[in-house]
Protein backbone atom coordinates (compact mmCIF):
# COMPACT_ATOMS: atom_id res chain seq x y z
CA UNK A 1 75.25 125.37 114.34
CA UNK A 2 78.69 125.54 112.52
CA UNK A 3 80.45 126.39 109.84
CA UNK A 4 82.58 124.25 107.63
CA UNK A 5 85.08 124.11 104.76
CA UNK A 6 87.24 121.32 102.97
CA UNK A 7 89.51 121.55 100.10
CA UNK A 8 91.60 118.95 98.08
CA UNK A 9 93.60 119.71 94.74
CA UNK A 10 96.29 122.29 93.68
CA UNK A 11 98.37 123.97 96.45
CA UNK A 12 96.92 127.12 97.93
CA UNK A 13 97.73 129.43 100.68
CA UNK A 14 95.27 129.05 103.76
CA UNK A 15 94.46 132.82 103.43
CA UNK A 16 92.31 132.12 100.35
CA UNK A 17 89.78 130.32 102.25
CA UNK A 18 89.92 132.00 105.40
CA UNK A 19 90.25 135.71 105.08
CA UNK A 20 90.03 136.95 101.43
CA UNK A 21 86.64 135.59 99.83
CA UNK A 22 83.68 138.18 100.63
CA UNK A 23 81.84 135.49 102.70
CA UNK A 24 85.39 133.68 104.12
CA UNK A 25 85.10 131.57 106.94
CA UNK A 26 86.12 134.43 109.20
CA UNK A 27 83.14 136.33 108.00
CA UNK A 28 81.29 133.32 108.64
CA UNK A 29 82.42 133.15 112.29
CA UNK A 30 80.91 136.07 113.22
CA UNK A 31 78.21 136.70 110.45
CA UNK A 32 77.44 133.81 108.83
CA UNK A 33 74.62 134.09 105.99
CA UNK A 34 72.88 131.11 105.42
CA UNK A 35 71.76 129.66 108.73
CA UNK A 36 69.26 131.21 111.05
CA UNK A 37 71.96 131.94 114.06
CA UNK A 38 74.92 134.05 112.50
CA UNK A 39 77.44 133.58 115.12
CA UNK A 40 79.98 131.00 115.51
CA UNK A 41 82.57 132.43 118.20
CA UNK A 42 82.82 128.93 120.25
CA UNK A 43 86.46 128.11 118.97
CA UNK A 44 87.50 127.23 115.59
CA UNK A 45 90.18 124.54 114.08
CA UNK A 46 92.05 124.16 110.88
CA UNK A 47 93.97 120.81 109.49
CA UNK A 48 95.89 120.68 106.81
CA UNK A 49 98.46 118.50 105.05
CA UNK A 50 101.91 119.01 103.94
CA UNK A 51 102.69 116.03 101.66
CA UNK A 52 106.49 116.53 100.99
CA UNK A 53 106.98 116.25 104.92
CA UNK A 54 104.49 113.13 105.35
CA UNK A 55 101.06 112.25 105.30
CA UNK A 56 99.97 113.20 108.89
CA UNK A 57 98.27 116.23 108.93
CA UNK A 58 98.84 119.50 110.99
CA UNK A 59 95.79 120.63 113.40
CA UNK A 60 95.44 124.25 114.82
CA UNK A 61 92.54 124.73 117.22
CA UNK A 62 91.46 127.13 119.71
CA UNK A 63 88.66 128.23 121.83
CA UNK A 64 88.88 131.79 121.03
CA UNK A 65 86.52 133.23 118.21
CA UNK A 66 88.30 132.96 114.89
CA UNK A 67 87.94 136.77 113.99
CA UNK A 68 90.06 137.64 116.97
CA UNK A 69 92.74 134.97 117.03
CA UNK A 70 96.32 136.85 116.07
CA UNK A 71 97.97 133.72 115.57
CA UNK A 72 95.96 132.72 112.83
CA UNK A 73 96.08 135.82 111.04
CA UNK A 74 100.02 135.63 110.87
CA UNK A 75 99.81 131.91 110.06
CA UNK A 76 97.46 131.90 107.12
CA UNK A 77 99.18 133.86 104.55
CA UNK A 78 102.34 131.84 105.24
CA UNK A 79 100.82 128.07 104.75
CA UNK A 80 100.00 126.41 101.33
CA UNK A 81 98.63 123.28 101.16
CA UNK A 82 96.82 121.00 99.01
CA UNK A 83 94.33 119.84 101.23
CA UNK A 84 92.59 121.65 104.21
CA UNK A 85 89.69 121.28 106.48
CA UNK A 86 88.37 124.27 108.56
CA UNK A 87 85.96 124.67 111.05
CA UNK A 88 83.68 127.66 112.94
CA UNK A 89 82.27 126.46 116.00
CA UNK A 90 78.65 127.19 117.56
CA UNK A 91 78.56 124.93 120.66
CA UNK A 92 75.91 123.04 120.93
CA UNK A 93 76.65 119.41 122.66
CA UNK A 94 79.51 120.19 124.64
CA UNK A 95 81.61 122.78 126.79
CA UNK A 96 83.78 125.24 124.92
CA UNK A 97 87.01 123.54 125.13
CA UNK A 98 89.99 122.52 122.72
CA UNK A 99 88.74 119.13 122.87
CA UNK A 100 85.32 119.92 121.43
CA UNK A 101 87.15 121.99 118.52
CA UNK A 102 86.91 120.01 115.01
CA UNK A 103 88.60 119.20 112.84
CA UNK A 104 88.82 115.97 114.68
CA UNK A 105 92.14 113.80 113.95
CA UNK A 106 92.49 110.23 113.61
CA UNK A 107 95.44 108.55 112.05
CA UNK A 108 96.13 110.47 109.16
CA UNK A 109 92.32 111.40 109.00
CA UNK A 110 90.38 114.72 109.05
CA UNK A 111 86.93 115.23 110.01
CA UNK A 112 84.46 117.74 110.61
CA UNK A 113 80.71 118.26 111.02
CA UNK A 114 78.09 120.69 110.91
CA UNK A 115 74.98 119.91 112.57
CA UNK A 116 73.81 117.76 115.61
CA UNK A 117 71.59 115.04 117.03
CA UNK A 118 68.60 116.42 119.48
CA UNK A 119 68.84 114.08 122.62
CA UNK A 120 72.15 112.47 122.13
CA UNK A 121 72.40 111.78 125.79
CA UNK A 122 70.20 108.99 125.28
CA UNK A 123 72.05 107.05 122.83
CA UNK A 124 75.67 108.46 124.39
CA UNK A 125 76.02 105.19 126.42
CA UNK A 126 74.80 102.57 123.84
CA UNK A 127 76.92 104.12 120.91
CA UNK A 128 80.01 104.19 123.04
CA UNK A 129 79.61 100.38 123.95
CA UNK A 130 79.55 99.63 120.20
CA UNK A 131 83.39 101.19 120.16
CA UNK A 132 86.59 99.25 120.19
CA UNK A 133 89.26 100.50 123.12
CA UNK A 134 91.22 102.03 120.57
CA UNK A 135 88.51 104.58 119.22
CA UNK A 136 86.67 104.26 122.90
CA UNK A 137 90.01 105.80 124.46
CA UNK A 138 90.26 108.11 121.27
CA UNK A 139 87.13 110.14 122.14
CA UNK A 140 88.58 113.07 124.31
CA UNK A 141 85.33 115.44 124.26
CA UNK A 142 81.92 115.49 124.64
CA UNK A 143 80.26 116.41 121.26
CA UNK A 144 78.28 114.26 119.32
CA UNK A 145 80.50 114.83 116.62
CA UNK A 146 83.25 113.24 117.74
CA UNK A 147 81.38 110.12 119.00
CA UNK A 148 79.66 109.75 115.72
CA UNK A 149 83.05 109.95 113.93
CA UNK A 150 84.43 107.20 116.27
CA UNK A 151 81.34 104.87 115.13
CA UNK A 152 82.27 106.01 111.30
CA UNK A 153 85.65 105.01 111.96
CA UNK A 154 85.48 101.47 113.28
CA UNK A 155 83.32 100.79 110.22
CA UNK A 156 86.46 102.33 108.06
CA UNK A 157 88.82 100.52 110.05
CA UNK A 158 87.06 96.97 108.77
CA UNK A 159 87.56 97.98 105.17
CA UNK A 160 90.58 97.13 102.96
CA UNK A 161 94.13 99.28 104.12
CA UNK A 162 93.98 100.96 100.94
CA UNK A 163 90.63 102.20 100.95
CA UNK A 164 88.85 104.21 98.35
CA UNK A 165 86.29 106.98 98.57
CA UNK A 166 83.49 104.37 97.93
CA UNK A 167 84.97 102.50 101.12
CA UNK A 168 84.53 106.28 102.85
CA UNK A 169 81.29 106.38 101.76
CA UNK A 170 80.14 102.80 103.11
CA UNK A 171 81.46 103.69 106.39
CA UNK A 172 79.53 106.75 106.48
CA UNK A 173 76.39 104.80 105.35
CA UNK A 174 76.86 102.31 108.13
CA UNK A 175 77.07 105.05 110.59
CA UNK A 176 73.83 106.42 109.19
CA UNK A 177 72.16 103.10 109.80
CA UNK A 178 73.24 102.38 113.02
CA UNK A 179 72.35 106.01 114.51
CA UNK A 180 68.79 105.90 112.94
CA UNK A 181 68.45 102.42 114.97
CA UNK A 182 69.57 103.94 117.86
CA UNK A 183 67.12 106.81 117.78
CA UNK A 184 64.50 104.72 117.29
CA UNK A 185 65.18 102.15 120.05
CA UNK A 186 65.70 105.39 122.69
CA UNK A 187 62.42 106.95 121.18
CA UNK A 188 64.48 110.21 119.95
CA UNK A 189 61.95 111.68 116.73
CA UNK A 190 63.52 115.16 116.26
CA UNK A 191 65.92 115.42 113.37
CA UNK A 192 69.40 114.56 113.39
CA UNK A 193 71.26 116.81 110.79
CA UNK A 194 74.47 115.73 109.70
CA UNK A 195 76.83 117.72 107.67
CA UNK A 196 80.17 116.16 107.29
CA UNK A 197 83.22 116.20 105.79
CA UNK A 198 86.29 113.26 105.88
CA UNK A 199 90.01 113.31 103.77
CA UNK A 200 93.07 111.76 104.41
CA UNK A 201 94.99 114.32 102.14
CA UNK A 202 94.35 112.13 98.99
CA UNK A 203 90.52 111.62 98.83
CA UNK A 204 87.63 113.44 100.24
CA UNK A 205 84.09 112.90 101.23
CA UNK A 206 81.50 115.15 102.36
CA UNK A 207 77.65 114.25 103.15
CA UNK A 208 74.54 116.53 103.49
CA UNK A 209 71.72 114.57 105.60
CA UNK A 210 68.89 114.99 107.54
CA UNK A 211 67.07 112.04 109.25
CA UNK A 212 63.50 112.96 108.38
CA UNK A 213 63.45 113.37 104.55
CA UNK A 214 60.59 115.80 104.60
CA UNK A 215 62.83 118.44 106.18
CA UNK A 216 65.20 120.43 104.39
CA UNK A 217 69.00 119.40 105.56
CA UNK A 218 71.58 122.42 106.32
CA UNK A 219 73.02 124.02 103.66
CA UNK A 220 76.04 122.57 101.60
CA UNK A 221 77.91 123.20 98.43
CA UNK A 222 80.77 121.90 96.06
CA UNK A 223 82.66 123.93 93.48
CA UNK A 224 85.19 122.23 91.28
CA UNK A 225 87.52 123.40 88.73
CA UNK A 226 91.13 123.96 87.72
CA UNK A 227 92.21 125.93 90.69
CA UNK A 228 90.69 128.16 93.09
CA UNK A 229 92.34 131.70 92.78
CA UNK A 230 92.21 135.42 94.70
CA UNK A 231 93.36 138.51 92.35
CA UNK A 232 92.72 141.89 93.15
CA UNK A 233 90.11 140.91 95.59
CA UNK A 234 88.05 138.62 93.93
CA UNK A 235 88.12 135.15 94.52
CA UNK A 236 86.63 132.43 91.73
CA UNK A 237 87.23 128.94 90.69
CA UNK A 238 89.02 128.62 87.15
CA UNK A 239 87.20 126.35 84.84
CA UNK A 240 88.84 122.77 84.32
CA UNK A 241 91.50 122.69 81.86
CA UNK A 242 93.97 119.92 81.27
CA UNK A 243 95.15 117.48 84.20
CA UNK A 244 94.79 120.27 86.77
CA UNK A 245 91.68 119.62 89.24
CA UNK A 246 90.49 121.33 92.60
CA UNK A 247 87.44 120.51 94.57
CA UNK A 248 86.26 122.34 97.61
CA UNK A 249 82.85 121.44 100.10
CA UNK A 250 81.51 124.57 102.13
CA UNK A 251 78.47 125.49 104.42
CA UNK A 252 78.09 128.59 102.79
CA UNK A 253 79.45 129.84 99.18
CA UNK A 254 82.38 131.82 99.87
CA UNK A 255 81.10 134.19 97.10
CA UNK A 256 78.27 135.64 94.74
CA UNK A 257 79.70 133.75 91.63
CA UNK A 258 76.77 131.88 91.03
CA UNK A 259 78.15 129.27 88.50
CA UNK A 260 80.96 128.49 91.08
CA UNK A 261 79.02 126.57 93.47
CA UNK A 262 76.30 123.81 93.26
CA UNK A 263 74.42 122.64 96.21
CA UNK A 264 74.86 118.87 97.23
CA UNK A 265 71.34 117.40 96.98
CA UNK A 266 69.40 116.43 100.03
CA UNK A 267 70.34 113.19 101.71
CA UNK A 268 73.33 112.90 98.92
CA UNK A 269 77.04 112.68 99.79
CA UNK A 270 79.73 113.81 97.33
CA UNK A 271 82.83 111.44 96.55
CA UNK A 272 86.13 113.10 95.52
CA UNK A 273 88.53 110.26 94.58
CA UNK A 274 92.68 110.59 94.10
CA UNK A 275 92.42 111.60 90.62
CA UNK A 276 90.07 114.34 92.05
CA UNK A 277 87.34 113.30 89.61
CA UNK A 278 83.78 113.42 91.54
CA UNK A 279 80.90 111.56 91.95
CA UNK A 280 77.66 112.21 94.05
CA UNK A 281 75.86 109.09 95.95
CA UNK A 282 72.64 108.98 97.19
CA UNK A 283 72.13 108.34 101.08
CA UNK A 284 69.76 105.27 101.59
């Protein structure tokens, strides 16, 4: 079912998320703690921003397991960023290929998904028919994730150019509404699990959703404070003070420091604004 992480805040080395925490993303690639199947070895991806160069993200994906990638091990302690999206994959819909690895990249945006839509093949064609030529051609892989993000991006394109986190949340809500209609029209009664994150390097939105409100969605947490640090083998979020702020969204808590992590409520989104303030918003 995959695991994901998204961060926006004070510049930090990638290593502090991927390797150093006791429940790091690398650890979650072979021994995830909060999901029935602990192995996420069908590839990985990480995207990050270097704002002093430009607003376009760098993306590194691989079909090899994250725990066994030498290049990632060399790069992670050397790359510092204010915004990062990372993902380790357990393939469900789609082959093990680079085109199916998250995060997905469109324009200056990064997106990643944990979850799935059962019987997606029943709605794949009608969903693709809703896409503009630009986004139809953008989809390179086979996953339900990438197709849903294409639908989301169609909604986001209709917003103002200088969109806000609220516009992003509106676009996710519209995507969910369309998905529910398609599932109903094609007789899909199984749950759709959509834990998703989006960032453009300046704002971030995360979503924890399951289509059946009587079922618990997959785990998703957030952590906020002044900055996230790893010192002497201990990683933790420093409480906010002054203007420095940092926010993280994760499938699994990276540490056992309980006060650092709060679950996103069932069927809610978390909106992170440009000033790094946050808001929780219910999904209708």
